[in-house]
C-alpha atoms as a PDB file:
ATOM      1  CA  MET A   1       0.038   0.012  -0.012  1.00  0.00           C
ATOM      2  CA  LEU A   2       1.063   3.579  -0.533  1.00  0.00           C
ATOM      3  CA  THR A   3       1.954   5.256   2.664  1.00  0.00           C
ATOM      4  CA  THR A   4       2.419   8.946   3.546  1.00  0.00           C
ATOM      5  CA  PHE A   5       6.157   8.372   3.533  1.00  0.00           C
ATOM      6  CA  MET A   6       6.060   6.954   0.040  1.00  0.00           C
ATOM      7  CA  VAL A   7       4.046   9.969  -1.149  1.00  0.00           C
ATOM      8  CA  ILE A   8       6.548  12.326   0.588  1.00  0.00           C
ATOM      9  CA  GLY A   9       9.339  10.369  -1.054  1.00  0.00           C
ATOM     10  CA  ALA A  10       7.797  10.750  -4.501  1.00  0.00           C
ATOM     11  CA  LEU A  11       7.532  14.531  -4.000  1.00  0.00           C
ATOM     12  CA  LEU A  12      11.136  14.707  -3.068  1.00  0.00           C
ATOM     13  CA  SER A  13      12.185  12.699  -6.197  1.00  0.00           C
ATOM     14  CA  ALA A  14      10.092  15.161  -8.215  1.00  0.00           C
ATOM     15  CA  GLY A  15      12.302  18.042  -7.229  1.00  0.00           C
ATOM     16  CA  VAL A  16      10.134  19.235  -4.410  1.00  0.00           C
ATOM     17  CA  GLU A  17      11.843  20.338  -1.156  1.00  0.00           C
ATOM     18  CA  LEU A  18       9.585  19.944   1.827  1.00  0.00           C
ATOM     19  CA  ASP A  19      10.144  22.433   4.673  1.00  0.00           C
ATOM     20  CA  GLU A  20       7.992  21.846   7.762  1.00  0.00           C
ATOM     21  CA  GLU A  21       8.271  25.419   9.047  1.00  0.00           C
ATOM     22  CA  GLU A  22       7.571  26.916   5.607  1.00  0.00           C
ATOM     23  CA  ALA A  23       4.678  24.452   5.005  1.00  0.00           C
ATOM     24  CA  ALA A  24       3.145  25.376   8.386  1.00  0.00           C
ATOM     25  CA  GLY A  25       3.075  29.125   7.597  1.00  0.00           C
ATOM     26  CA  ARG A  26       0.549  31.145   5.723  1.00  0.00           C
ATOM     27  CA  GLY A  27       1.557  30.549   2.124  1.00  0.00           C
ATOM     28  CA  PRO A  28       0.197  32.036  -1.115  1.00  0.00           C
ATOM     29  CA  HIS A  29      -2.257  29.113  -1.684  1.00  0.00           C
ATOM     30  CA  GLU A  30      -5.594  28.466  -0.064  1.00  0.00           C
ATOM     31  CA  VAL A  31      -7.052  24.924  -0.616  1.00  0.00           C
ATOM     32  CA  ARG A  32     -10.553  23.532  -0.193  1.00  0.00           C
ATOM     33  CA  ILE A  33     -11.337  19.909  -0.457  1.00  0.00           C
ATOM     34  CA  GLU A  34     -14.609  18.080  -0.445  1.00  0.00           C
ATOM     35  CA  GLY A  35     -14.632  14.471  -1.548  1.00  0.00           C
ATOM     36  CA  ASP A  36     -13.314  14.362  -5.114  1.00  0.00           C
ATOM     37  CA  ASN A  37     -13.373  18.145  -5.457  1.00  0.00           C
ATOM     38  CA  ILE A  38     -10.459  20.453  -4.864  1.00  0.00           C
ATOM     39  CA  GLU A  39     -10.161  24.175  -5.225  1.00  0.00           C
ATOM     40  CA  LEU A  40      -6.840  25.976  -5.239  1.00  0.00           C
ATOM     41  CA  ARG A  41      -6.565  29.822  -4.948  1.00  0.00           C
ATOM     42  CA  PHE A  42      -3.191  31.488  -5.456  1.00  0.00           C
ATOM     43  CA  PHE A  43      -2.743  34.976  -3.974  1.00  0.00           C
ATOM     44  CA  PRO A  44       0.144  36.697  -5.846  1.00  0.00           C
ATOM     45  CA  ASP A  45       0.543  39.283  -3.116  1.00  0.00           C
ATOM     46  CA  ARG A  46       1.415  36.547  -0.606  1.00  0.00           C
ATOM     47  CA  SER A  47       4.015  34.937  -2.805  1.00  0.00           C
ATOM     48  CA  ALA A  48       7.732  35.475  -2.191  1.00  0.00           C
ATOM     49  CA  ALA A  49       8.386  34.341  -5.744  1.00  0.00           C
ATOM     50  CA  VAL A  50       6.295  36.992  -7.630  1.00  0.00           C
ATOM     51  CA  ASP A  51       8.867  39.709  -8.195  1.00  0.00           C
ATOM     52  CA  GLU A  52       8.362  40.724 -11.803  1.00  0.00           C
ATOM     53  CA  PRO A  53       5.193  41.772 -13.722  1.00  0.00           C
ATOM     54  CA  CYS A  54       3.020  38.940 -14.892  1.00  0.00           C
ATOM     55  CA  SER A  55      -0.374  39.546 -16.621  1.00  0.00           C
ATOM     56  CA  ASP A  56      -1.405  35.934 -16.770  1.00  0.00           C
ATOM     57  CA  ILE A  57      -0.961  33.614 -13.765  1.00  0.00           C
ATOM     58  CA  GLY A  58      -2.455  30.152 -13.955  1.00  0.00           C
ATOM     59  CA  HIS A  59      -1.408  26.693 -12.763  1.00  0.00           C
ATOM     60  CA  ILE A  60       0.678  24.058 -14.387  1.00  0.00           C
ATOM     61  CA  GLN A  61      -0.480  20.741 -12.984  1.00  0.00           C
ATOM     62  CA  VAL A  62       1.198  17.375 -13.473  1.00  0.00           C
ATOM     63  CA  VAL A  63       0.067  13.965 -12.370  1.00  0.00           C
ATOM     64  CA  GLN A  64       1.830  10.688 -11.628  1.00  0.00           C
ATOM     65  CA  MET A  65      -0.544   7.673 -11.590  1.00  0.00           C
ATOM     66  CA  TRP A  66       0.076   4.645  -9.417  1.00  0.00           C
ATOM     67  CA  ALA A  67      -1.755   1.268  -9.620  1.00  0.00           C
ATOM     68  CA  VAL A  68      -1.736  -0.299  -6.122  1.00  0.00           C
ATOM     69  CA  TYR A  69      -1.913  -4.097  -5.757  1.00  0.00           C
ATOM     70  CA  THR A  70      -1.843  -6.263  -2.606  1.00  0.00           C
ATOM     71  CA  ASP A  71       1.866  -6.680  -2.947  1.00  0.00           C
ATOM     72  CA  LYS A  72       3.202  -3.862  -5.056  1.00  0.00           C
ATOM     73  CA  ALA A  73       2.582  -0.413  -6.570  1.00  0.00           C
ATOM     74  CA  ILE A  74       3.552   0.556 -10.174  1.00  0.00           C
ATOM     75  CA  VAL A  75       3.469   3.745 -12.161  1.00  0.00           C
ATOM     76  CA  VAL A  76       0.864   3.744 -14.937  1.00  0.00           C
ATOM     77  CA  MET A  77       1.284   5.623 -18.219  1.00  0.00           C
ATOM     78  CA  PRO A  78      -1.722   7.476 -19.672  1.00  0.00           C
ATOM     79  CA  GLY A  79      -1.963   5.190 -22.659  1.00  0.00           C
ATOM     80  CA  GLN A  80      -2.198   2.166 -20.349  1.00  0.00           C
ATOM     81  CA  LEU A  81      -5.128   3.709 -18.436  1.00  0.00           C
ATOM     82  CA  ARG A  82      -6.958   4.932 -21.544  1.00  0.00           C
ATOM     83  CA  ALA A  83      -5.712   4.052 -25.058  1.00  0.00           C
ATOM     84  CA  ARG A  84      -6.890   7.411 -26.420  1.00  0.00           C
ATOM     85  CA  ASP A  85      -4.343   9.145 -24.294  1.00  0.00           C
ATOM     86  CA  ALA A  86      -1.334   7.148 -25.519  1.00  0.00           C
ATOM     87  CA  TRP A  87       0.238  10.196 -27.202  1.00  0.00           C
ATOM     88  CA  LEU A  88       0.903  11.571 -23.739  1.00  0.00           C
ATOM     89  CA  ASP A  89       3.284   8.757 -22.842  1.00  0.00           C
ATOM     90  CA  ALA A  90       6.079  10.371 -24.873  1.00  0.00           C
ATOM     91  CA  THR A  91       5.605  13.634 -23.009  1.00  0.00           C
ATOM     92  CA  ALA A  92       6.014  12.044 -19.501  1.00  0.00           C
ATOM     93  CA  SER A  93       8.941  12.989 -17.252  1.00  0.00           C
ATOM     94  CA  ASP A  94      11.494  10.382 -16.359  1.00  0.00           C
ATOM     95  CA  SER A  95       9.403   9.437 -13.342  1.00  0.00           C
ATOM     96  CA  GLY A  96       6.107   9.362 -15.190  1.00  0.00           C
ATOM     97  CA  HIS A  97       4.645  12.794 -14.498  1.00  0.00           C
ATOM     98  CA  VAL A  98       2.476  14.210 -17.301  1.00  0.00           C
ATOM     99  CA  VAL A  99       0.865  17.601 -17.810  1.00  0.00           C
ATOM    100  CA  ASP A 100      -2.813  17.619 -16.824  1.00  0.00           C
ATOM    101  CA  THR A 101      -4.831  20.072 -18.971  1.00  0.00           C
ATOM    102  CA  CYS A 102      -7.911  20.077 -21.188  1.00  0.00           C
ATOM    103  CA  ARG A 103      -6.692  23.104 -23.108  1.00  0.00           C
ATOM    104  CA  ARG A 104      -4.621  21.198 -25.749  1.00  0.00           C
ATOM    105  CA  ASP A 105      -1.895  23.578 -26.998  1.00  0.00           C
ATOM    106  CA  ASP A 106      -2.206  25.631 -23.775  1.00  0.00           C
ATOM    107  CA  PRO A 107      -0.650  23.715 -20.834  1.00  0.00           C
ATOM    108  CA  VAL A 108      -2.127  26.031 -18.225  1.00  0.00           C
ATOM    109  CA  TYR A 109      -4.809  24.180 -16.324  1.00  0.00           C
ATOM    110  CA  GLN A 110      -7.655  26.724 -15.883  1.00  0.00           C
ATOM    111  CA  ASP A 111      -9.530  28.809 -18.275  1.00  0.00           C
ATOM    112  CA  PRO A 112      -8.453  32.510 -18.793  1.00  0.00           C
ATOM    113  CA  ASP A 113     -11.387  33.847 -16.684  1.00  0.00           C
ATOM    114  CA  ARG A 114      -9.937  32.114 -13.613  1.00  0.00           C
ATOM    115  CA  ARG A 115      -6.399  33.406 -13.989  1.00  0.00           C
ATOM    116  CA  GLY A 116      -4.669  36.022 -11.914  1.00  0.00           C
ATOM    117  CA  SER A 117      -1.899  38.595 -12.246  1.00  0.00           C
ATOM    118  CA  SER A 118       1.023  40.079 -10.366  1.00  0.00           C
ATOM    119  CA  THR A 119      -1.055  43.156  -9.578  1.00  0.00           C
ATOM    120  CA  GLY A 120      -3.038  41.108  -7.107  1.00  0.00           C
ATOM    121  CA  ALA A 121      -5.788  39.260  -9.026  1.00  0.00           C
ATOM    122  CA  VAL A 122      -6.196  35.817  -7.639  1.00  0.00           C
ATOM    123  CA  ALA A 123      -5.665  32.734  -9.770  1.00  0.00           C
ATOM    124  CA  SER A 124      -8.120  29.817  -8.896  1.00  0.00           C
ATOM    125  CA  MET A 125      -8.560  26.327 -10.324  1.00  0.00           C
ATOM    126  CA  LEU A 126     -11.043  23.545  -9.699  1.00  0.00           C
ATOM    127  CA  ASP A 127     -10.435  19.818 -10.199  1.00  0.00           C
ATOM    128  CA  ALA A 128     -12.679  16.825  -9.710  1.00  0.00           C
ATOM    129  CA  PRO A 129     -10.774  13.661 -10.688  1.00  0.00           C
ATOM    130  CA  ASN A 130     -12.995  10.721 -11.884  1.00  0.00           C
ATOM    131  CA  LEU A 131     -12.330   7.284 -13.409  1.00  0.00           C
ATOM    132  CA  GLN A 132     -15.459   5.685 -14.766  1.00  0.00           C
ATOM    133  CA  ALA A 133     -13.667   3.553 -17.296  1.00  0.00           C
ATOM    134  CA  SER A 134     -10.140   2.100 -17.512  1.00  0.00           C
ATOM    135  CA  ASP A 135      -8.371   0.108 -20.222  1.00  0.00           C
ATOM    136  CA  PHE A 136      -5.983  -1.026 -17.480  1.00  0.00           C
ATOM    137  CA  ALA A 137      -8.404  -3.439 -15.875  1.00  0.00           C
ATOM    138  CA  PRO A 138      -9.014  -3.103 -12.109  1.00  0.00           C
ATOM    139  CA  TYR A 139      -9.623  -6.006  -9.731  1.00  0.00           C
ATOM    140  CA  HIS A 140     -12.763  -8.027 -10.150  1.00  0.00           C
ATOM    141  CA  PRO A 141     -13.161 -11.344  -8.128  1.00  0.00           C
ATOM    142  CA  GLN A 142     -14.285 -13.322 -11.178  1.00  0.00           C
ATOM    143  CA  ALA A 143     -13.248 -11.343 -14.336  1.00  0.00           C
ATOM    144  CA  ASN A 144      -9.852 -10.116 -13.217  1.00  0.00           C
ATOM    145  CA  PRO A 145      -8.628 -11.363  -9.782  1.00  0.00           C
ATOM    146  CA  GLY A 146      -5.132 -10.159 -10.539  1.00  0.00           C
ATOM    147  CA  GLY A 147      -6.207  -6.530 -11.233  1.00  0.00           C
ATOM    148  CA  TRP A 148      -5.252  -3.492  -9.292  1.00  0.00           C
ATOM    149  CA  ALA A 149      -7.135  -2.712  -6.142  1.00  0.00           C
ATOM    150  CA  LYS A 150      -6.630   1.041  -5.891  1.00  0.00           C
ATOM    151  CA  MET A 151      -5.473   3.811  -8.123  1.00  0.00           C
ATOM    152  CA  THR A 152      -3.554   6.697  -6.560  1.00  0.00           C
ATOM    153  CA  TRP A 153      -2.854   9.841  -8.549  1.00  0.00           C
ATOM    154  CA  ARG A 154      -0.251  12.182  -7.228  1.00  0.00           C
ATOM    155  CA  PHE A 155      -0.715  15.789  -8.287  1.00  0.00           C
ATOM    156  CA  LEU A 156       1.737  18.756  -8.261  1.00  0.00           C
ATOM    157  CA  SER A 157       0.035  22.031  -9.047  1.00  0.00           C
ATOM    158  CA  TYR A 158       2.267  25.066  -9.368  1.00  0.00           C
ATOM    159  CA  ALA A 159       1.300  28.691 -10.042  1.00  0.00           C
ATOM    160  CA  TYR A 160       2.885  29.814 -13.263  1.00  0.00           C
ATOM    161  CA  CYS A 161       3.290  32.938 -15.246  1.00  0.00           C
ATOM    162  CA  ALA A 162       1.978  32.502 -18.859  1.00  0.00           C
ATOM    163  CA  ALA A 163       2.339  36.108 -20.069  1.00  0.00           C
ATOM    164  CA  GLY A 164       4.338  39.234 -19.131  1.00  0.00           C
ATOM    165  CA  GLU A 165       7.843  39.954 -18.163  1.00  0.00           C
ATOM    166  CA  ALA A 166       7.965  36.861 -15.958  1.00  0.00           C
ATOM    167  CA  ARG A 167       6.564  34.601 -18.561  1.00  0.00           C
ATOM    168  CA  GLY A 168       7.768  30.996 -17.979  1.00  0.00           C
ATOM    169  CA  THR A 169       8.286  31.520 -14.259  1.00  0.00           C
ATOM    170  CA  PHE A 170       7.084  28.991 -11.740  1.00  0.00           C
ATOM    171  CA  TYR A 171       5.810  30.171  -8.340  1.00  0.00           C
ATOM    172  CA  GLU A 172       4.788  28.154  -5.281  1.00  0.00           C
ATOM    173  CA  GLY A 173       2.696  25.011  -5.542  1.00  0.00           C
ATOM    174  CA  VAL A 174       0.512  22.459  -3.874  1.00  0.00           C
ATOM    175  CA  GLY A 175       0.947  18.660  -3.626  1.00  0.00           C
ATOM    176  CA  TRP A 176      -2.164  16.473  -3.313  1.00  0.00           C
ATOM    177  CA  THR A 177      -3.367  13.015  -4.111  1.00  0.00           C
ATOM    178  CA  TRP A 178      -6.562  11.316  -5.319  1.00  0.00           C
ATOM    179  CA  ASP A 179      -7.481   7.689  -4.524  1.00  0.00           C
ATOM    180  CA  VAL A 180     -10.158   5.517  -6.190  1.00  0.00           C
ATOM    181  CA  TYR A 181     -10.858   1.843  -5.462  1.00  0.00           C
ATOM    182  CA  ALA A 182     -11.430  -0.753  -8.107  1.00  0.00           C
ATOM    183  CA  ASN A 183     -15.065  -1.345  -7.223  1.00  0.00           C
ATOM    184  CA  ALA A 184     -15.859   2.287  -7.975  1.00  0.00           C
ATOM    185  CA  VAL A 185     -14.562   2.203 -11.573  1.00  0.00           C
ATOM    186  CA  ARG A 186     -17.819   1.897 -13.539  1.00  0.00           C
ATOM    187  CA  PRO A 187     -20.098   4.113 -15.566  1.00  0.00           C
ATOM    188  CA  GLY A 188     -21.930   6.582 -13.275  1.00  0.00           C
ATOM    189  CA  ASP A 189     -19.451   6.321 -10.489  1.00  0.00           C
ATOM    190  CA  GLY A 190     -15.671   6.594 -10.658  1.00  0.00           C
ATOM    191  CA  ARG A 191     -15.607   8.726  -7.484  1.00  0.00           C
ATOM    192  CA  GLY A 192     -12.712   8.752  -5.064  1.00  0.00           C
ATOM    193  CA  GLU A 193     -11.228  11.034  -2.481  1.00  0.00           C
ATOM    194  CA  ALA A 194      -8.730  13.905  -2.662  1.00  0.00           C
ATOM    195  CA  THR A 195      -6.200  14.478   0.100  1.00  0.00           C
ATOM    196  CA  LEU A 196      -3.947  17.486   0.681  1.00  0.00           C
ATOM    197  CA  ILE A 197      -0.238  16.674   1.135  1.00  0.00           C
ATOM    198  CA  ASN A 198       1.461  20.049   1.230  1.00  0.00           C
ATOM    199  CA  ASP A 199      -0.112  23.520   0.543  1.00  0.00           C
ATOM    200  CA  HIS A 200       3.130  25.439   0.509  1.00  0.00           C
ATOM    201  CA  LEU A 201       5.706  23.902  -1.853  1.00  0.00           C
ATOM    202  CA  PRO A 202       8.526  26.197  -2.924  1.00  0.00           C
ATOM    203  CA  PRO A 203       9.065  26.960  -6.670  1.00  0.00           C
ATOM    204  CA  PRO A 204      10.358  23.832  -8.422  1.00  0.00           C
ATOM    205  CA  ARG A 205      14.159  23.309  -8.907  1.00  0.00           C
ATOM    206  CA  ALA A 206      15.729  23.455 -12.330  1.00  0.00           C
ATOM    207  CA  ASN A 207      15.635  19.618 -12.609  1.00  0.00           C
ATOM    208  CA  ALA A 208      12.187  19.141 -11.293  1.00  0.00           C
ATOM    209  CA  GLU A 209       9.769  16.705 -12.863  1.00  0.00           C
ATOM    210  CA  VAL A 210       7.166  19.423 -13.502  1.00  0.00           C
ATOM    211  CA  ARG A 211       9.649  21.382 -15.637  1.00  0.00           C
ATOM    212  CA  GLN A 212      10.615  18.207 -17.479  1.00  0.00           C
ATOM    213  CA  ALA A 213       7.046  17.223 -18.162  1.00  0.00           C
ATOM    214  CA  LEU A 214       6.113  20.728 -19.267  1.00  0.00           C
ATOM    215  CA  ALA A 215       8.993  20.963 -21.686  1.00  0.00           C
ATOM    216  CA  ARG A 216       8.178  17.562 -23.257  1.00  0.00           C
ATOM    217  CA  TYR A 217       4.443  18.477 -23.493  1.00  0.00           C
ATOM    218  CA  LEU A 218       5.235  21.723 -25.298  1.00  0.00           C
ATOM    219  CA  ALA A 219       7.547  19.902 -27.665  1.00  0.00           C
ATOM    220  CA  ALA A 220       4.875  17.398 -28.718  1.00  0.00           C
ATOM    221  CA  PRO A 221       3.982  17.738 -32.442  1.00  0.00           C
ATOM    222  CA  SER A 222       0.216  17.976 -31.578  1.00  0.00           C
ATOM    223  CA  HIS A 223      -2.004  18.018 -28.529  1.00  0.00           C
ATOM    224  CA  PRO A 224      -5.159  15.893 -29.046  1.00  0.00           C
ATOM    225  CA  GLN A 225      -8.106  16.380 -26.687  1.00  0.00           C
ATOM    226  CA  VAL A 226      -7.718  14.231 -23.559  1.00  0.00           C
ATOM    227  CA  CYS A 227     -10.766  15.379 -21.631  1.00  0.00           C
ATOM    228  CA  ALA A 228     -13.595  14.097 -23.867  1.00  0.00           C
ATOM    229  CA  THR A 229     -15.961  11.814 -22.043  1.00  0.00           C
END
């Protein structure tokens, strides 16, 4: 099973430095979670990293997906989970993080009307992960007794400047997970539970997985729709 220590270890390997004192303070993000639903709000005027003009602040969100069995846990590529998303496999970081966006050529997660700016406008994003169907078959006592028992998705959501003098700059972020059990993966359900891991991650280091995943996503020759139902 995935433990809190395993999740923290994954964040560290992704280029995230965890500082207990910093995480305990009042950071630039406010987070609200209810079941599957998570809302992140980034307040630029509370960020130590916003020091140049930026007219378009959104979030770059990456996800690393784990299938949990009774005796192991493995990273799952997007194309394994849903064949239609196989093009994303080539954009994954070395650790299997991929950019999570429905905006195709625009890697920023939220729509323009939810973005902020360095002048104080708040950037907010909403997510509600769901898995009603999977090509990577979950456990079923008769049909697939060797399937996975739980899926854990690890998210890193960083505020990011998409326009202005600071374009391309990462700000602070949030680390969170989403869990869904095999018996919930069916049409009309697919619900799980979101959990906050850290609401005050410092800007990612130069070798961080989020930077690697973003660079590979932008380099892809095309960006097919991945959010169609």
